Amino acid sequence: MFKILGVKIDSLNRSEALTKIEDWLKNDKFNFLVTLNPEIVLAARNDEEYFYILNKANIALADGFGLKLAAGLLGQKIKRTTGADLLPEIFKLAETKAYKILIANRRDGLSTKADLENYLSLNYPKLKFATLDLALDTLSLPASLPINNPEILIVDFGAPFQEKFIFHNGQNPASLKFAIGIGGGLDFLSGKTKRAPKFLRALGLEWFWRLIKYPRRAKRIYNAVIKFSLKFLKSRFIEPLTYRPNVACLLYRQINNQYQILLVRRSEDVNHWQLPQGGTDGEKLAIAAARALSRASLADCSRSSTSCRGTATSRTSGTASIAAITWPPILRNRSTRADR
């Protein structure tokens, strides 16, 4: 696993991803998979909820040639796995193992419920499935479903709606074990839209095909091809030269079902509160974090003290209060852990 512009990507090929899906369907825990392209990664930078959801996905696959190129510049070798290529394998698996599929179809999308039912009935005659037409702003699945106890949920709302819908509805109904957002993948299968020829896909020129076929998508293609490339190159080669590696520390404790979080106040601005933080200065994160915490604590205690009091915020019923917390000498604590 590695990250591009902060969004995680798993180095799995299609066969490995299908093996994971098959394992998930044998267990009771719910899992979901996302297929990423440059446009999705860019969107996540401006949507905090979406960024969080993508990084919580159990598997995130690269469905975009631009991500494959970016991965190469990070020293990662990955294979592009598109949702459109993954879908037939999922249908085949479900038909063979008798898993039930519920398809949440975008009501105003290209493929109608009848289109999808005709395609699936013709190509997977033993598949147990049901299609549900839903508006794009639908927040949850209806209480009454057209199929009982589905194990697989397929959503074709398009990004970011489908991933948000899956995240907030993944365990309802409780029978669901796996979900995937598929964008326009079902439109390819139903014949409502045509994919680029294989040789163009292999060359990473699928965007050029779409630009010729659908010129109205010019802005989206610009974002995926030009804007993403510039953002990635800046983050990869320029920002490391202009930004100091930093570490921020989150310390908290729970008392009577309430959380207290350690914040520090800047000496030059009494109204400025922040998490303890500082530059890594070439040190390991745990050591740099310990140093940042130690400096934060020195406002009213010394390095040699056996205990130290810091300021913490306790949030209860929407109101904040200030409390003091005591912790052992940080620099002597070898178990201190931190993350970027």
Protein backbone atom coordinates (compact mmCIF):
# COMPACT_ATOMS: atom_id res chain seq x y z
CA MET A 1 0.00 0.00 0.00
CA PHE A 2 1.20 3.52 -0.80
CA LYS A 3 -0.37 6.94 -1.19
CA ILE A 4 -0.81 9.40 -4.03
CA LEU A 5 -1.76 12.93 -2.92
CA GLY A 6 -2.71 11.44 0.44
CA VAL A 7 -5.08 8.78 -0.93
CA LYS A 8 -4.05 5.17 -0.37
CA ILE A 9 -3.69 2.72 -3.24
CA ASP A 10 -3.20 -1.03 -2.92
CA SER A 11 -0.71 -2.85 -5.12
CA LEU A 12 -3.07 -5.65 -6.08
CA ASN A 13 -3.81 -6.97 -9.54
CA ARG A 14 -7.26 -8.11 -10.64
CA SER A 15 -6.73 -11.75 -9.68
CA GLU A 16 -5.52 -10.81 -6.20
CA ALA A 17 -8.44 -8.44 -5.70
CA LEU A 18 -10.92 -11.15 -6.70
CA THR A 19 -9.33 -13.55 -4.21
CA LYS A 20 -9.83 -10.94 -1.48
CA ILE A 21 -13.47 -10.45 -2.49
CA GLU A 22 -14.08 -14.20 -2.39
CA ASP A 23 -12.55 -14.36 1.10
CA TRP A 24 -14.74 -11.47 2.27
CA LEU A 25 -17.89 -13.20 1.07
CA LYS A 26 -17.05 -16.22 3.23
CA ASN A 27 -16.98 -14.09 6.39
CA ASP A 28 -19.53 -11.99 8.26
CA LYS A 29 -17.60 -8.71 8.30
CA PHE A 30 -18.56 -6.03 5.76
CA ASN A 31 -15.85 -4.81 3.36
CA PHE A 32 -15.86 -2.37 0.47
CA LEU A 33 -13.62 -1.74 -2.51
CA VAL A 34 -13.04 1.49 -4.42
CA THR A 35 -11.57 1.97 -7.89
CA LEU A 36 -9.65 5.23 -8.15
CA ASN A 37 -8.79 7.48 -11.04
CA PRO A 38 -6.94 10.84 -11.07
CA GLU A 39 -10.21 12.79 -11.01
CA ILE A 40 -11.33 10.98 -7.85
CA VAL A 41 -8.01 11.62 -6.12
CA LEU A 42 -8.26 15.32 -6.96
CA ALA A 43 -11.85 15.49 -5.69
CA ALA A 44 -10.78 13.99 -2.37
CA ARG A 45 -8.37 16.88 -1.78
CA ASN A 46 -11.33 19.27 -1.57
CA ASP A 47 -13.77 16.98 0.23
CA GLU A 48 -12.66 15.92 3.69
CA GLU A 49 -15.41 13.33 4.10
CA TYR A 50 -14.60 11.77 0.73
CA PHE A 51 -10.88 11.73 1.54
CA TYR A 52 -11.62 9.90 4.78
CA ILE A 53 -13.93 7.36 3.10
CA LEU A 54 -11.45 6.51 0.35
CA ASN A 55 -8.73 5.89 2.90
CA LYS A 56 -11.07 3.69 4.97
CA ALA A 57 -11.81 1.40 2.01
CA ASN A 58 -10.59 -2.15 2.55
CA ILE A 59 -9.07 -2.15 -0.93
CA ALA A 60 -8.37 0.79 -3.25
CA LEU A 61 -7.41 -0.11 -6.81
CA ALA A 62 -5.92 2.12 -9.50
CA ASP A 63 -8.47 2.54 -12.29
CA GLY A 64 -6.63 5.20 -14.24
CA PHE A 65 -3.46 5.27 -16.32
CA GLY A 66 -2.37 8.51 -14.66
CA LEU A 67 -2.24 6.76 -11.29
CA LYS A 68 -0.11 4.01 -12.77
CA LEU A 69 2.39 6.58 -14.07
CA ALA A 70 2.38 8.44 -10.75
CA ALA A 71 2.99 5.19 -8.89
CA GLY A 72 5.99 4.54 -11.10
CA LEU A 73 7.51 7.88 -10.07
CA LEU A 74 7.07 6.75 -6.46
CA GLY A 75 8.90 3.52 -7.17
CA GLN A 76 5.71 1.45 -7.14
CA LYS A 77 4.82 -0.97 -9.91
CA ILE A 78 1.09 -1.57 -10.21
CA LYS A 79 -1.35 -2.88 -12.78
CA ARG A 80 -4.39 -0.87 -13.72
CA THR A 81 -7.60 -2.60 -12.62
CA THR A 82 -10.80 -1.03 -13.90
CA GLY A 83 -14.23 -1.48 -12.38
CA ALA A 84 -15.56 -2.41 -15.81
CA ASP A 85 -13.09 -5.32 -15.99
CA LEU A 86 -13.81 -6.41 -12.43
CA LEU A 87 -17.60 -6.46 -12.74
CA PRO A 88 -17.98 -9.54 -14.99
CA GLU A 89 -15.73 -11.50 -12.63
CA ILE A 90 -17.90 -10.49 -9.67
CA PHE A 91 -21.07 -11.55 -11.51
CA LYS A 92 -19.47 -14.86 -12.46
CA LEU A 93 -18.38 -15.50 -8.86
CA ALA A 94 -21.83 -14.66 -7.49
CA GLU A 95 -23.53 -16.89 -10.05
CA THR A 96 -21.22 -19.83 -9.28
CA LYS A 97 -21.42 -19.49 -5.48
CA ALA A 98 -25.11 -18.46 -5.37
CA TYR A 99 -24.45 -15.08 -3.75
CA LYS A 100 -27.26 -12.54 -4.02
CA ILE A 101 -26.57 -9.15 -5.59
CA LEU A 102 -28.42 -5.87 -5.08
CA ILE A 103 -27.72 -3.17 -7.67
CA ALA A 104 -28.42 0.44 -6.66
CA ASN A 105 -28.89 2.03 -10.08
CA ARG A 106 -28.84 5.77 -10.68
CA ARG A 107 -32.38 6.67 -11.72
CA ASP A 108 -31.32 9.31 -14.24
CA GLY A 109 -28.31 7.35 -15.50
CA LEU A 110 -27.75 5.95 -18.99
CA SER A 111 -28.73 2.37 -18.13
CA THR A 112 -32.28 1.76 -16.97
CA LYS A 113 -33.36 -0.99 -14.63
CA ALA A 114 -34.69 -2.92 -17.65
CA ASP A 115 -31.34 -2.54 -19.47
CA LEU A 116 -29.43 -4.06 -16.57
CA GLU A 117 -31.92 -6.85 -16.00
CA ASN A 118 -31.84 -7.81 -19.68
CA TYR A 119 -28.04 -7.89 -19.73
CA LEU A 120 -27.67 -9.91 -16.55
CA SER A 121 -30.45 -12.37 -17.34
CA LEU A 122 -28.93 -13.05 -20.76
CA ASN A 123 -25.31 -13.40 -19.66
CA TYR A 124 -25.72 -14.84 -16.15
CA PRO A 125 -28.97 -16.84 -16.23
CA LYS A 126 -28.46 -18.41 -12.79
CA LEU A 127 -27.48 -15.17 -11.06
CA LYS A 128 -29.67 -14.10 -8.15
CA PHE A 129 -29.98 -10.33 -8.36
CA ALA A 130 -32.32 -7.38 -8.09
CA THR A 131 -32.06 -3.81 -9.36
CA LEU A 132 -33.24 -0.77 -7.48
CA ASP A 133 -33.59 2.62 -9.20
CA LEU A 134 -32.61 5.39 -6.78
CA ALA A 135 -32.22 9.16 -7.02
CA LEU A 136 -28.71 10.52 -6.73
CA ASP A 137 -29.49 12.23 -3.43
CA THR A 138 -30.79 9.03 -1.81
CA LEU A 139 -29.28 8.71 1.66
CA SER A 140 -30.13 5.10 2.47
CA LEU A 141 -31.57 1.90 1.11
CA PRO A 142 -35.33 1.45 1.60
CA ALA A 143 -36.49 -0.82 4.39
CA SER A 144 -38.14 -3.16 1.91
CA LEU A 145 -35.74 -4.54 -0.70
CA PRO A 146 -36.58 -6.41 -3.92
CA ILE A 147 -34.27 -9.26 -2.86
CA ASN A 148 -33.90 -10.84 0.57
CA ASN A 149 -30.56 -10.84 2.39
CA PRO A 150 -28.24 -9.69 -0.43
CA GLU A 151 -24.54 -10.28 0.19
CA ILE A 152 -23.19 -7.97 -2.52
CA LEU A 153 -24.08 -4.32 -3.16
CA ILE A 154 -23.14 -2.65 -6.46
CA VAL A 155 -23.71 1.11 -6.74
CA ASP A 156 -23.40 3.06 -10.00
CA PHE A 157 -24.09 6.62 -8.81
CA GLY A 158 -20.67 7.84 -9.93
CA ALA A 159 -18.05 9.47 -7.71
CA PRO A 160 -18.23 10.71 -5.01
CA PHE A 161 -21.87 9.79 -4.42
CA GLN A 162 -21.47 6.02 -4.71
CA GLU A 163 -18.59 5.76 -2.23
CA LYS A 164 -20.40 7.95 0.30
CA PHE A 165 -23.59 5.93 -0.13
CA ILE A 166 -21.72 2.67 0.43
CA PHE A 167 -19.87 3.98 3.48
CA HIS A 168 -23.04 5.13 5.20
CA ASN A 169 -25.14 2.08 4.21
CA GLY A 170 -22.61 -0.73 4.18
CA GLN A 171 -24.07 -2.63 7.10
CA ASN A 172 -27.70 -2.15 6.22
CA PRO A 173 -29.00 -4.72 5.59
CA ALA A 174 -26.82 -6.80 7.90
CA SER A 175 -26.48 -9.53 5.28
CA LEU A 176 -24.18 -7.35 3.13
CA LYS A 177 -20.59 -8.56 3.06
CA PHE A 178 -19.13 -6.66 0.12
CA ALA A 179 -19.85 -3.48 -1.81
CA ILE A 180 -18.30 -1.67 -4.75
CA GLY A 181 -18.98 1.62 -6.51
CA ILE A 182 -18.76 1.09 -10.23
CA GLY A 183 -19.42 4.45 -11.91
CA GLY A 184 -20.14 3.90 -15.60
CA GLY A 185 -19.04 0.26 -15.60
CA LEU A 186 -22.59 -1.02 -15.94
CA ASP A 187 -23.17 1.29 -18.91
CA PHE A 188 -20.33 -0.44 -20.75
CA LEU A 189 -21.80 -3.86 -20.05
CA SER A 190 -25.35 -2.89 -20.99
CA GLY A 191 -24.14 -1.39 -24.27
CA LYS A 192 -25.29 2.15 -23.46
CA THR A 193 -21.79 3.49 -23.95
CA LYS A 194 -18.72 2.15 -25.71
CA ARG A 195 -15.25 1.67 -24.24
CA ALA A 196 -12.10 2.79 -26.00
CA PRO A 197 -10.39 0.15 -28.15
CA LYS A 198 -8.01 -2.11 -26.23
CA PHE A 199 -4.89 -0.71 -27.89
CA LEU A 200 -5.78 2.83 -26.76
CA ARG A 201 -6.41 1.59 -23.22
CA ALA A 202 -3.06 -0.21 -23.24
CA LEU A 203 -1.33 3.02 -24.32
CA GLY A 204 -3.11 5.05 -21.64
CA LEU A 205 -5.03 7.06 -24.22
CA GLU A 206 -8.56 6.19 -23.15
CA TRP A 207 -8.99 9.85 -22.18
CA PHE A 208 -8.32 10.86 -25.81
CA TRP A 209 -11.05 8.49 -26.99
CA ARG A 210 -13.50 9.97 -24.53
CA LEU A 211 -12.60 13.50 -25.56
CA ILE A 212 -13.35 12.70 -29.21
CA LYS A 213 -16.56 10.79 -28.42
CA TYR A 214 -17.83 13.06 -25.65
CA PRO A 215 -16.39 16.59 -26.04
CA ARG A 216 -18.63 17.82 -23.22
CA ARG A 217 -16.32 15.91 -20.86
CA ALA A 218 -13.40 18.22 -21.76
CA LYS A 219 -13.25 19.81 -18.29
CA ARG A 220 -13.21 16.45 -16.53
CA ILE A 221 -10.51 15.17 -18.88
CA TYR A 222 -8.47 18.32 -18.28
CA ASN A 223 -8.67 17.68 -14.52
CA ALA A 224 -7.67 14.03 -14.88
CA VAL A 225 -4.83 14.55 -17.36
CA ILE A 226 -3.40 18.04 -16.82
CA LYS A 227 -4.44 19.23 -13.38
CA PHE A 228 -3.73 15.92 -11.67
CA SER A 229 -0.29 15.67 -13.30
CA LEU A 230 0.66 19.15 -12.15
CA LYS A 231 -0.58 18.54 -8.60
CA PHE A 232 1.25 15.25 -8.34
CA LEU A 233 4.53 16.55 -9.76
CA LYS A 234 4.41 19.48 -7.37
CA SER A 235 3.79 17.22 -4.36
CA ARG A 236 6.48 14.76 -5.47
CA PHE A 237 9.32 17.06 -6.47
CA ILE A 238 8.69 20.63 -5.27
CA GLU A 239 6.88 20.48 -1.92
CA PRO A 240 9.54 18.24 -0.29
CA LEU A 241 12.02 21.08 -0.92
CA THR A 242 9.81 23.81 0.52
CA TYR A 243 8.13 22.10 3.46
CA ARG A 244 9.83 20.73 6.57
CA PRO A 245 8.79 17.19 7.57
CA ASN A 246 6.56 17.64 10.59
CA VAL A 247 4.99 15.53 13.29
CA ALA A 248 1.79 16.27 15.22
CA CYS A 249 0.88 14.44 18.42
CA LEU A 250 -2.61 13.48 19.54
CA LEU A 251 -2.77 12.55 23.22
CA TYR A 252 -6.11 11.77 24.81
CA ARG A 253 -7.66 9.96 27.72
CA GLN A 254 -11.18 8.81 28.48
CA ILE A 255 -12.82 9.53 31.80
CA ASN A 256 -16.46 8.64 32.48
CA ASN A 257 -17.17 8.27 28.75
CA GLN A 258 -15.67 11.69 28.06
CA TYR A 259 -12.53 12.34 26.04
CA GLN A 260 -9.85 14.83 27.02
CA ILE A 261 -7.44 15.90 24.30
CA LEU A 262 -4.10 17.55 24.97
CA LEU A 263 -3.72 21.01 23.41
CA VAL A 264 -0.95 23.54 23.97
CA ARG A 265 -1.13 27.33 23.93
CA ARG A 266 1.42 29.36 22.03
CA SER A 267 3.33 31.71 24.30
CA GLU A 268 3.26 34.55 21.76
CA ASP A 269 -0.49 34.25 21.19
CA VAL A 270 -2.60 33.26 24.19
CA ASN A 271 -5.64 32.71 21.97
CA HIS A 272 -3.88 30.20 19.71
CA TRP A 273 -4.26 26.55 20.75
CA GLN A 274 -2.88 23.61 18.81
CA LEU A 275 -1.79 19.99 19.01
CA PRO A 276 1.83 19.53 20.15
CA GLN A 277 3.89 19.51 16.97
CA GLY A 278 7.29 20.19 15.50
CA GLY A 279 9.77 19.30 12.81
CA THR A 280 11.16 15.78 12.63
CA ASP A 281 14.68 17.12 11.95
CA GLY A 282 15.77 13.78 10.54
CA GLU A 283 14.73 11.82 13.62
CA LYS A 284 12.35 8.88 13.81
CA LEU A 285 8.72 9.89 14.32
CA ALA A 286 8.53 8.50 17.87
CA ILE A 287 11.62 10.47 18.94
CA ALA A 288 10.48 13.67 17.23
CA ALA A 289 7.04 13.29 18.80
CA ALA A 290 8.57 12.83 22.25
CA ARG A 291 10.61 15.99 21.74
CA ALA A 292 7.52 17.96 20.66
CA LEU A 293 5.58 16.76 23.68
CA SER A 294 8.47 17.55 25.99
CA ARG A 295 8.73 21.09 24.67
CA ALA A 296 4.98 21.53 25.06
CA SER A 297 5.21 20.46 28.69
CA LEU A 298 8.10 22.76 29.60
CA ALA A 299 5.80 25.74 30.09
CA ASP A 300 5.35 24.82 33.74
CA CYS A 301 7.78 21.99 34.42
CA SER A 302 11.38 21.02 33.70
CA ARG A 303 12.83 18.15 31.70
CA SER A 304 14.01 16.46 34.86
CA SER A 305 10.66 16.43 36.61
CA THR A 306 9.04 13.11 37.42
CA SER A 307 5.65 14.32 36.31
CA CYS A 308 4.41 17.13 34.19
CA ARG A 309 1.15 18.97 33.87
CA GLY A 310 -0.22 19.95 30.48
CA THR A 311 -3.43 21.54 29.33
CA ALA A 312 -6.21 19.41 27.91
CA THR A 313 -9.59 20.19 26.48
CA SER A 314 -12.55 18.15 27.62
CA ARG A 315 -15.53 18.25 25.26
CA THR A 316 -18.86 17.45 26.84
CA SER A 317 -22.32 18.13 25.40
CA GLY A 318 -20.94 20.58 22.89
CA THR A 319 -19.15 22.74 25.48
CA ALA A 320 -15.42 22.87 26.07
CA SER A 321 -13.66 23.05 29.40
CA ILE A 322 -10.02 23.09 30.44
CA ALA A 323 -8.52 20.33 32.56
CA ALA A 324 -5.01 19.42 33.67
CA ILE A 325 -3.49 16.04 32.96
CA THR A 326 -0.38 14.43 34.40
CA TRP A 327 1.87 12.03 32.52
CA PRO A 328 5.26 10.37 33.14
CA PRO A 329 8.49 11.93 31.82
CA ILE A 330 8.05 11.76 28.07
CA LEU A 331 11.70 11.54 27.15
CA ARG A 332 12.09 8.47 29.35
CA ASN A 333 9.08 6.68 27.88
CA ARG A 334 10.38 4.29 25.20
CA SER A 335 6.84 3.26 24.21
CA THR A 336 5.88 6.69 22.90
CA ARG A 337 4.18 6.26 19.52
CA ALA A 338 3.35 8.85 16.87
CA ASP A 339 2.30 9.09 13.28
CA ARG A 340 2.41 11.83 10.69
